[in-house]
Amino acid sequence: MSSIPNSAMPHAKVHHDEDEQQPKADKNTTPASDWVEDATDAAKAGLATATDAVKTHPKTAIAVGATVIAGIAAAFVAPALLAKDADKKAPTPADPKPKGKGGKKA
């Protein structure tokens, strides 16, 4: 081992000693949990507002729900209908018989 005193080399410390002295971070004080907590609170507030609106205007809530369901159904059905229409409009091979007016020319 070296005979140089620790005071002459303050950067030469045992690292495992530092890990034990540092206070451990609490789960509730980490930055990630802050935004999760804020988002949860905002969602709860929005749900409470929506619940109050449904209680005061139930017929409107039913109409809005039906509109949302119809929109979702249209989002799924529209591409299928467009694909079906595209198949019907697909070009067909040319007719080998010429079509003309009047009949044979002399």
N, C-alpha and C. Protein backbone atom coordinates (compact mmCIF):
# COMPACT_ATOMS: atom_id res chain seq x y z
N MET A 1 0.83 -1.17 0.00
CA MET A 1 0.00 0.00 0.00
C MET A 1 0.88 1.24 0.00
N SER A 2 0.27 2.34 -0.43
CA SER A 2 1.02 3.57 -0.55
C SER A 2 1.16 4.25 0.80
N SER A 3 2.23 5.02 0.95
CA SER A 3 2.43 5.75 2.21
C SER A 3 2.00 7.21 2.09
N ILE A 4 1.34 7.60 1.00
CA ILE A 4 0.87 8.98 0.81
C ILE A 4 -0.41 9.15 1.63
N PRO A 5 -0.47 10.20 2.44
CA PRO A 5 -1.67 10.40 3.26
C PRO A 5 -2.89 10.78 2.42
N ASN A 6 -4.07 10.49 2.92
CA ASN A 6 -5.30 10.78 2.21
C ASN A 6 -5.52 12.28 2.03
N SER A 7 -5.00 13.09 2.94
CA SER A 7 -5.19 14.54 2.82
C SER A 7 -4.43 15.10 1.61
N ALA A 8 -3.38 14.44 1.19
CA ALA A 8 -2.64 14.88 0.03
C ALA A 8 -3.34 14.45 -1.26
N MET A 9 -4.18 13.46 -1.20
CA MET A 9 -4.90 12.97 -2.37
C MET A 9 -6.39 12.82 -2.02
N PRO A 10 -7.12 13.94 -1.96
CA PRO A 10 -8.52 13.85 -1.56
C PRO A 10 -9.40 13.12 -2.59
N HIS A 11 -8.94 13.05 -3.83
CA HIS A 11 -9.73 12.36 -4.86
C HIS A 11 -9.64 10.84 -4.73
N ALA A 12 -8.70 10.36 -3.95
CA ALA A 12 -8.50 8.92 -3.80
C ALA A 12 -9.32 8.42 -2.61
N LYS A 13 -10.61 8.19 -2.87
CA LYS A 13 -11.49 7.71 -1.81
C LYS A 13 -12.01 6.33 -2.19
N VAL A 14 -12.44 5.63 -1.18
CA VAL A 14 -13.06 4.35 -1.43
C VAL A 14 -14.51 4.62 -1.80
N HIS A 15 -14.91 4.13 -2.94
CA HIS A 15 -16.23 4.47 -3.48
C HIS A 15 -17.38 3.82 -2.74
N HIS A 16 -17.21 2.66 -2.20
CA HIS A 16 -18.32 2.01 -1.52
C HIS A 16 -18.70 2.74 -0.23
N ASP A 17 -17.80 3.50 0.35
CA ASP A 17 -18.12 4.29 1.54
C ASP A 17 -19.08 5.44 1.19
N GLU A 18 -18.91 6.04 0.02
CA GLU A 18 -19.77 7.15 -0.40
C GLU A 18 -21.19 6.69 -0.64
N ASP A 19 -21.35 5.50 -1.19
CA ASP A 19 -22.68 5.00 -1.50
C ASP A 19 -23.53 4.82 -0.24
N GLU A 20 -22.90 4.42 0.85
CA GLU A 20 -23.64 4.20 2.08
C GLU A 20 -24.02 5.52 2.76
N GLN A 21 -23.25 6.57 2.56
CA GLN A 21 -23.51 7.83 3.23
C GLN A 21 -24.58 8.66 2.51
N GLN A 22 -24.80 8.44 1.23
CA GLN A 22 -25.77 9.23 0.49
C GLN A 22 -27.19 8.82 0.87
N PRO A 23 -28.04 9.79 1.09
CA PRO A 23 -29.43 9.43 1.42
C PRO A 23 -30.12 8.87 0.18
N LYS A 24 -30.94 7.88 0.40
CA LYS A 24 -31.67 7.27 -0.70
C LYS A 24 -32.87 8.13 -1.04
N ALA A 25 -33.14 8.26 -2.35
CA ALA A 25 -34.25 9.08 -2.80
C ALA A 25 -35.57 8.38 -2.51
N ASP A 26 -36.52 9.15 -2.05
CA ASP A 26 -37.85 8.63 -1.77
C ASP A 26 -38.60 8.44 -3.08
N LYS A 27 -39.47 7.46 -3.17
CA LYS A 27 -40.22 7.21 -4.39
C LYS A 27 -41.05 8.41 -4.79
N ASN A 28 -41.61 9.10 -3.84
CA ASN A 28 -42.53 10.20 -4.14
C ASN A 28 -41.82 11.48 -4.56
N THR A 29 -40.52 11.56 -4.43
CA THR A 29 -39.82 12.80 -4.79
C THR A 29 -39.06 12.69 -6.10
N THR A 30 -39.11 11.57 -6.77
CA THR A 30 -38.40 11.44 -8.04
C THR A 30 -39.17 12.19 -9.12
N PRO A 31 -38.47 12.74 -10.10
CA PRO A 31 -39.14 13.50 -11.15
C PRO A 31 -40.16 12.68 -11.93
N ALA A 32 -39.89 11.41 -12.15
CA ALA A 32 -40.81 10.58 -12.91
C ALA A 32 -42.14 10.44 -12.19
N SER A 33 -42.11 10.29 -10.88
CA SER A 33 -43.36 10.13 -10.16
C SER A 33 -44.13 11.44 -10.06
N ASP A 34 -43.44 12.57 -10.18
CA ASP A 34 -44.13 13.86 -10.14
C ASP A 34 -45.08 14.00 -11.31
N TRP A 35 -44.61 13.70 -12.51
CA TRP A 35 -45.49 13.87 -13.67
C TRP A 35 -46.58 12.81 -13.70
N VAL A 36 -46.29 11.63 -13.16
CA VAL A 36 -47.31 10.59 -13.10
C VAL A 36 -48.40 11.02 -12.12
N GLU A 37 -48.00 11.56 -11.00
CA GLU A 37 -48.96 12.04 -10.02
C GLU A 37 -49.79 13.19 -10.57
N ASP A 38 -49.15 14.12 -11.27
CA ASP A 38 -49.87 15.23 -11.88
C ASP A 38 -50.87 14.73 -12.93
N ALA A 39 -50.46 13.78 -13.74
CA ALA A 39 -51.35 13.24 -14.76
C ALA A 39 -52.52 12.51 -14.12
N THR A 40 -52.26 11.79 -13.04
CA THR A 40 -53.33 11.09 -12.34
C THR A 40 -54.33 12.07 -11.75
N ASP A 41 -53.82 13.14 -11.15
CA ASP A 41 -54.71 14.16 -10.59
C ASP A 41 -55.54 14.83 -11.67
N ALA A 42 -54.93 15.11 -12.81
CA ALA A 42 -55.65 15.74 -13.92
C ALA A 42 -56.72 14.80 -14.46
N ALA A 43 -56.41 13.52 -14.56
CA ALA A 43 -57.38 12.55 -15.04
C ALA A 43 -58.55 12.42 -14.08
N LYS A 44 -58.27 12.43 -12.79
CA LYS A 44 -59.34 12.35 -11.79
C LYS A 44 -60.23 13.59 -11.87
N ALA A 45 -59.63 14.76 -12.04
CA ALA A 45 -60.41 15.99 -12.15
C ALA A 45 -61.27 15.98 -13.41
N GLY A 46 -60.71 15.51 -14.52
CA GLY A 46 -61.47 15.42 -15.76
C GLY A 46 -62.61 14.43 -15.65
N LEU A 47 -62.38 13.31 -14.98
CA LEU A 47 -63.42 12.32 -14.80
C LEU A 47 -64.54 12.87 -13.92
N ALA A 48 -64.17 13.61 -12.89
CA ALA A 48 -65.18 14.22 -12.03
C ALA A 48 -66.02 15.22 -12.81
N THR A 49 -65.38 16.02 -13.65
CA THR A 49 -66.10 16.99 -14.47
C THR A 49 -67.04 16.28 -15.44
N ALA A 50 -66.57 15.23 -16.07
CA ALA A 50 -67.39 14.47 -17.01
C ALA A 50 -68.56 13.81 -16.29
N THR A 51 -68.32 13.28 -15.11
CA THR A 51 -69.38 12.65 -14.34
C THR A 51 -70.46 13.66 -13.98
N ASP A 52 -70.04 14.85 -13.56
CA ASP A 52 -71.01 15.91 -13.23
C ASP A 52 -71.82 16.31 -14.46
N ALA A 53 -71.16 16.39 -15.60
CA ALA A 53 -71.87 16.77 -16.83
C ALA A 53 -72.88 15.71 -17.23
N VAL A 54 -72.55 14.44 -17.06
CA VAL A 54 -73.47 13.36 -17.40
C VAL A 54 -74.67 13.37 -16.45
N LYS A 55 -74.41 13.64 -15.18
CA LYS A 55 -75.52 13.68 -14.21
C LYS A 55 -76.49 14.82 -14.49
N THR A 56 -75.96 15.96 -14.93
CA THR A 56 -76.84 17.10 -15.16
C THR A 56 -77.50 17.05 -16.53
N HIS A 57 -76.89 16.42 -17.52
CA HIS A 57 -77.44 16.37 -18.88
C HIS A 57 -77.35 14.94 -19.43
N PRO A 58 -78.19 14.02 -18.94
CA PRO A 58 -78.05 12.62 -19.37
C PRO A 58 -78.38 12.39 -20.84
N LYS A 59 -79.36 13.10 -21.39
CA LYS A 59 -79.72 12.88 -22.80
C LYS A 59 -78.59 13.35 -23.72
N THR A 60 -77.97 14.44 -23.36
CA THR A 60 -76.83 14.93 -24.15
C THR A 60 -75.67 13.93 -24.09
N ALA A 61 -75.45 13.36 -22.92
CA ALA A 61 -74.37 12.38 -22.77
C ALA A 61 -74.63 11.15 -23.62
N ILE A 62 -75.89 10.73 -23.69
CA ILE A 62 -76.23 9.58 -24.52
C ILE A 62 -75.99 9.91 -26.00
N ALA A 63 -76.38 11.10 -26.42
CA ALA A 63 -76.17 11.51 -27.81
C ALA A 63 -74.69 11.59 -28.15
N VAL A 64 -73.90 12.12 -27.22
CA VAL A 64 -72.46 12.21 -27.46
C VAL A 64 -71.85 10.81 -27.54
N GLY A 65 -72.27 9.92 -26.67
CA GLY A 65 -71.77 8.55 -26.69
C GLY A 65 -72.11 7.84 -27.99
N ALA A 66 -73.35 8.04 -28.46
CA ALA A 66 -73.76 7.43 -29.73
C ALA A 66 -72.95 7.99 -30.89
N THR A 67 -72.66 9.28 -30.84
CA THR A 67 -71.87 9.91 -31.90
C THR A 67 -70.44 9.36 -31.92
N VAL A 68 -69.88 9.18 -30.75
CA VAL A 68 -68.52 8.64 -30.66
C VAL A 68 -68.49 7.21 -31.19
N ILE A 69 -69.47 6.42 -30.82
CA ILE A 69 -69.52 5.03 -31.30
C ILE A 69 -69.70 4.99 -32.82
N ALA A 70 -70.55 5.87 -33.35
CA ALA A 70 -70.75 5.92 -34.80
C ALA A 70 -69.46 6.35 -35.51
N GLY A 71 -68.73 7.27 -34.92
CA GLY A 71 -67.46 7.70 -35.51
C GLY A 71 -66.44 6.58 -35.54
N ILE A 72 -66.39 5.81 -34.47
CA ILE A 72 -65.45 4.69 -34.42
C ILE A 72 -65.84 3.64 -35.45
N ALA A 73 -67.14 3.37 -35.55
CA ALA A 73 -67.60 2.39 -36.54
C ALA A 73 -67.27 2.86 -37.96
N ALA A 74 -67.47 4.14 -38.22
CA ALA A 74 -67.16 4.67 -39.55
C ALA A 74 -65.67 4.59 -39.85
N ALA A 75 -64.86 4.79 -38.84
CA ALA A 75 -63.41 4.71 -39.05
C ALA A 75 -62.98 3.30 -39.44
N PHE A 76 -63.69 2.30 -38.95
CA PHE A 76 -63.35 0.92 -39.30
C PHE A 76 -63.99 0.50 -40.62
N VAL A 77 -65.20 0.97 -40.91
CA VAL A 77 -65.94 0.50 -42.08
C VAL A 77 -65.53 1.24 -43.35
N ALA A 78 -65.21 2.52 -43.26
CA ALA A 78 -64.91 3.33 -44.44
C ALA A 78 -63.78 2.75 -45.30
N PRO A 79 -62.67 2.34 -44.75
CA PRO A 79 -61.62 1.77 -45.61
C PRO A 79 -62.08 0.49 -46.34
N ALA A 80 -62.91 -0.31 -45.69
CA ALA A 80 -63.40 -1.52 -46.33
C ALA A 80 -64.32 -1.17 -47.50
N LEU A 81 -65.18 -0.18 -47.32
CA LEU A 81 -66.08 0.23 -48.39
C LEU A 81 -65.30 0.85 -49.55
N LEU A 82 -64.29 1.62 -49.25
CA LEU A 82 -63.48 2.22 -50.31
C LEU A 82 -62.74 1.15 -51.10
N ALA A 83 -62.27 0.14 -50.42
CA ALA A 83 -61.57 -0.95 -51.11
C ALA A 83 -62.55 -1.73 -51.99
N LYS A 84 -63.78 -1.92 -51.51
CA LYS A 84 -64.79 -2.64 -52.28
C LYS A 84 -65.16 -1.85 -53.54
N ASP A 85 -65.31 -0.53 -53.41
CA ASP A 85 -65.61 0.31 -54.57
C ASP A 85 -64.46 0.32 -55.57
N ALA A 86 -63.25 0.28 -55.08
CA ALA A 86 -62.09 0.29 -55.97
C ALA A 86 -62.04 -1.00 -56.79
N ASP A 87 -62.47 -2.12 -56.20
CA ASP A 87 -62.49 -3.38 -56.93
C ASP A 87 -63.53 -3.35 -58.06
N LYS A 88 -64.67 -2.70 -57.81
CA LYS A 88 -65.71 -2.63 -58.84
C LYS A 88 -65.29 -1.74 -60.00
N LYS A 89 -64.51 -0.71 -59.74
CA LYS A 89 -64.10 0.24 -60.76
C LYS A 89 -62.81 -0.18 -61.47
N ALA A 90 -62.32 -1.36 -61.15
CA ALA A 90 -61.07 -1.82 -61.76
C ALA A 90 -61.27 -1.95 -63.27
N PRO A 91 -60.29 -1.57 -64.06
CA PRO A 91 -60.43 -1.65 -65.52
C PRO A 91 -60.56 -3.10 -65.97
N THR A 92 -61.44 -3.31 -66.94
CA THR A 92 -61.63 -4.65 -67.50
C THR A 92 -60.85 -4.74 -68.80
N PRO A 93 -60.54 -5.96 -69.23
CA PRO A 93 -59.81 -6.09 -70.50
C PRO A 93 -60.67 -5.59 -71.66
N ALA A 94 -60.05 -5.13 -72.71
CA ALA A 94 -60.75 -4.56 -73.86
C ALA A 94 -61.61 -5.62 -74.53
N ASP A 95 -62.77 -5.19 -75.01
CA ASP A 95 -63.69 -6.11 -75.69
C ASP A 95 -63.13 -6.39 -77.09
N PRO A 96 -62.97 -7.65 -77.48
CA PRO A 96 -62.37 -7.95 -78.78
C PRO A 96 -63.27 -7.58 -79.95
N LYS A 97 -64.57 -7.49 -79.74
CA LYS A 97 -65.49 -7.16 -80.83
C LYS A 97 -65.63 -5.64 -80.91
N PRO A 98 -65.42 -5.06 -82.09
CA PRO A 98 -65.60 -3.62 -82.21
C PRO A 98 -67.08 -3.26 -82.17
N LYS A 99 -67.38 -2.17 -81.50
CA LYS A 99 -68.75 -1.70 -81.44
C LYS A 99 -68.88 -0.49 -82.34
N GLY A 100 -69.86 -0.49 -83.15
CA GLY A 100 -70.04 0.64 -84.04
C GLY A 100 -71.50 0.80 -84.44
N LYS A 101 -71.82 1.92 -85.05
CA LYS A 101 -73.19 2.19 -85.46
C LYS A 101 -73.36 1.85 -86.95
N GLY A 102 -74.53 1.45 -87.27
CA GLY A 102 -74.89 1.35 -88.68
C GLY A 102 -74.61 0.03 -89.35
N GLY A 103 -73.74 -0.76 -88.94
CA GLY A 103 -73.50 -2.03 -89.60
C GLY A 103 -72.30 -2.00 -90.53
N LYS A 104 -72.34 -2.83 -91.59
CA LYS A 104 -71.20 -3.00 -92.50
C LYS A 104 -71.12 -1.90 -93.53
N LYS A 105 -69.90 -1.55 -93.89
CA LYS A 105 -69.69 -0.57 -94.95
C LYS A 105 -69.47 -1.31 -96.24
N ALA A 106 -69.96 -0.73 -97.34
CA ALA A 106 -69.84 -1.39 -98.62
C ALA A 106 -68.70 -0.90 -99.45
